[in-house]
Amino acid sequence: MAEHLPNVSTEDPGAIADLVFELLATAGRQGIAPKEIYEEVDSVFHLLSEAMQHGGGLAD
C-alpha cells in the first residue's frame, strides 16, 4: 500500500479524508464497489490515517 500513498506524514483529518475520497473514486473507476472495500477493512479512514502517521509512502 505504501507505494500508492503520498510521500508525506500527516495527521490532518482533512488531508486523510481527501485520500479516502480519491481511493474510493479510483476504485470505482476500476469497477470496485465501496462495499467490496469495506468487506476487507472496517474503516478506510482509519487504515489511511495509521499509514500516514507512519510516513505515508516513505520507505523505512
C-alpha atoms as a PDB file:
ATOM      1  CA  MET A   1       0.000   0.000   0.000  1.00  0.00           C
ATOM      2  CA  ALA A   2       2.841   2.402   0.813  1.00  0.00           C
ATOM      3  CA  GLU A   3       3.823   2.784  -2.840  1.00  0.00           C
ATOM      4  CA  HIS A   4       0.398   4.338  -3.512  1.00  0.00           C
ATOM      5  CA  LEU A   5       0.481   6.913  -0.708  1.00  0.00           C
ATOM      6  CA  PRO A   6       1.957  10.407  -0.940  1.00  0.00           C
ATOM      7  CA  ASN A   7       5.484  10.731   0.413  1.00  0.00           C
ATOM      8  CA  VAL A   8       4.384  12.703   3.458  1.00  0.00           C
ATOM      9  CA  SER A   9       3.458  12.042   7.037  1.00  0.00           C
ATOM     10  CA  THR A  10       0.300  13.736   8.308  1.00  0.00           C
ATOM     11  CA  GLU A  11      -2.329  13.567  10.985  1.00  0.00           C
ATOM     12  CA  ASP A  12      -4.542  16.153   9.237  1.00  0.00           C
ATOM     13  CA  PRO A  13      -8.028  14.604   9.098  1.00  0.00           C
ATOM     14  CA  GLY A  14      -8.952  16.740   6.095  1.00  0.00           C
ATOM     15  CA  ALA A  15      -5.993  15.513   4.059  1.00  0.00           C
ATOM     16  CA  ILE A  16      -6.723  11.918   5.035  1.00  0.00           C
ATOM     17  CA  ALA A  17     -10.411  12.325   4.142  1.00  0.00           C
ATOM     18  CA  ASP A  18      -9.331  13.615   0.718  1.00  0.00           C
ATOM     19  CA  LEU A  19      -7.207  10.481   0.265  1.00  0.00           C
ATOM     20  CA  VAL A  20     -10.165   8.285   1.228  1.00  0.00           C
ATOM     21  CA  PHE A  21     -12.307  10.081  -1.353  1.00  0.00           C
ATOM     22  CA  GLU A  22      -9.617   9.616  -4.018  1.00  0.00           C
ATOM     23  CA  LEU A  23      -9.183   5.953  -3.109  1.00  0.00           C
ATOM     24  CA  LEU A  24     -12.911   5.221  -3.358  1.00  0.00           C
ATOM     25  CA  ALA A  25     -13.239   7.178  -6.609  1.00  0.00           C
ATOM     26  CA  THR A  26     -10.284   5.377  -8.172  1.00  0.00           C
ATOM     27  CA  ALA A  27     -11.619   2.020  -7.015  1.00  0.00           C
ATOM     28  CA  GLY A  28     -14.999   2.878  -8.526  1.00  0.00           C
ATOM     29  CA  ARG A  29     -13.403   3.669 -11.879  1.00  0.00           C
ATOM     30  CA  GLN A  30     -11.771   0.238 -11.717  1.00  0.00           C
ATOM     31  CA  GLY A  31     -15.122  -1.417 -11.040  1.00  0.00           C
ATOM     32  CA  ILE A  32     -14.590  -1.987  -7.318  1.00  0.00           C
ATOM     33  CA  ALA A  33     -17.626  -1.035  -5.233  1.00  0.00           C
ATOM     34  CA  PRO A  34     -17.124   0.629  -1.829  1.00  0.00           C
ATOM     35  CA  LYS A  35     -18.998  -2.331  -0.331  1.00  0.00           C
ATOM     36  CA  GLU A  36     -16.207  -4.638  -1.501  1.00  0.00           C
ATOM     37  CA  ILE A  37     -13.584  -2.442   0.153  1.00  0.00           C
ATOM     38  CA  TYR A  38     -15.487  -2.258   3.425  1.00  0.00           C
ATOM     39  CA  GLU A  39     -15.808  -6.058   3.434  1.00  0.00           C
ATOM     40  CA  GLU A  40     -11.999  -6.139   3.691  1.00  0.00           C
ATOM     41  CA  VAL A  41     -11.387  -3.246   6.110  1.00  0.00           C
ATOM     42  CA  ASP A  42     -13.625  -1.741   8.771  1.00  0.00           C
ATOM     43  CA  SER A  43     -12.527   1.843   8.156  1.00  0.00           C
ATOM     44  CA  VAL A  44     -10.627   3.142   5.152  1.00  0.00           C
ATOM     45  CA  PHE A  45     -10.137   6.415   7.021  1.00  0.00           C
ATOM     46  CA  HIS A  46      -8.551   4.630   9.989  1.00  0.00           C
ATOM     47  CA  LEU A  47      -6.370   2.494   7.718  1.00  0.00           C
ATOM     48  CA  LEU A  48      -5.054   5.508   5.797  1.00  0.00           C
ATOM     49  CA  SER A  49      -4.709   7.536   8.999  1.00  0.00           C
ATOM     50  CA  GLU A  50      -2.481   4.845  10.511  1.00  0.00           C
ATOM     51  CA  ALA A  51      -0.445   4.582   7.317  1.00  0.00           C
ATOM     52  CA  MET A  52       0.012   8.346   7.001  1.00  0.00           C
ATOM     53  CA  GLN A  53       1.057   8.710  10.633  1.00  0.00           C
ATOM     54  CA  HIS A  54       3.837   6.221   9.918  1.00  0.00           C
ATOM     55  CA  GLY A  55       5.374   8.047   6.998  1.00  0.00           C
ATOM     56  CA  GLY A  56       2.888   7.657   4.178  1.00  0.00           C
ATOM     57  CA  GLY A  57       4.674   6.317   1.135  1.00  0.00           C
ATOM     58  CA  LEU A  58       8.125   6.950   2.557  1.00  0.00           C
ATOM     59  CA  ALA A  59      10.350   3.901   2.619  1.00  0.00           C
ATOM     60  CA  ASP A  60      11.622   2.921   6.046  1.00  0.00           C
END
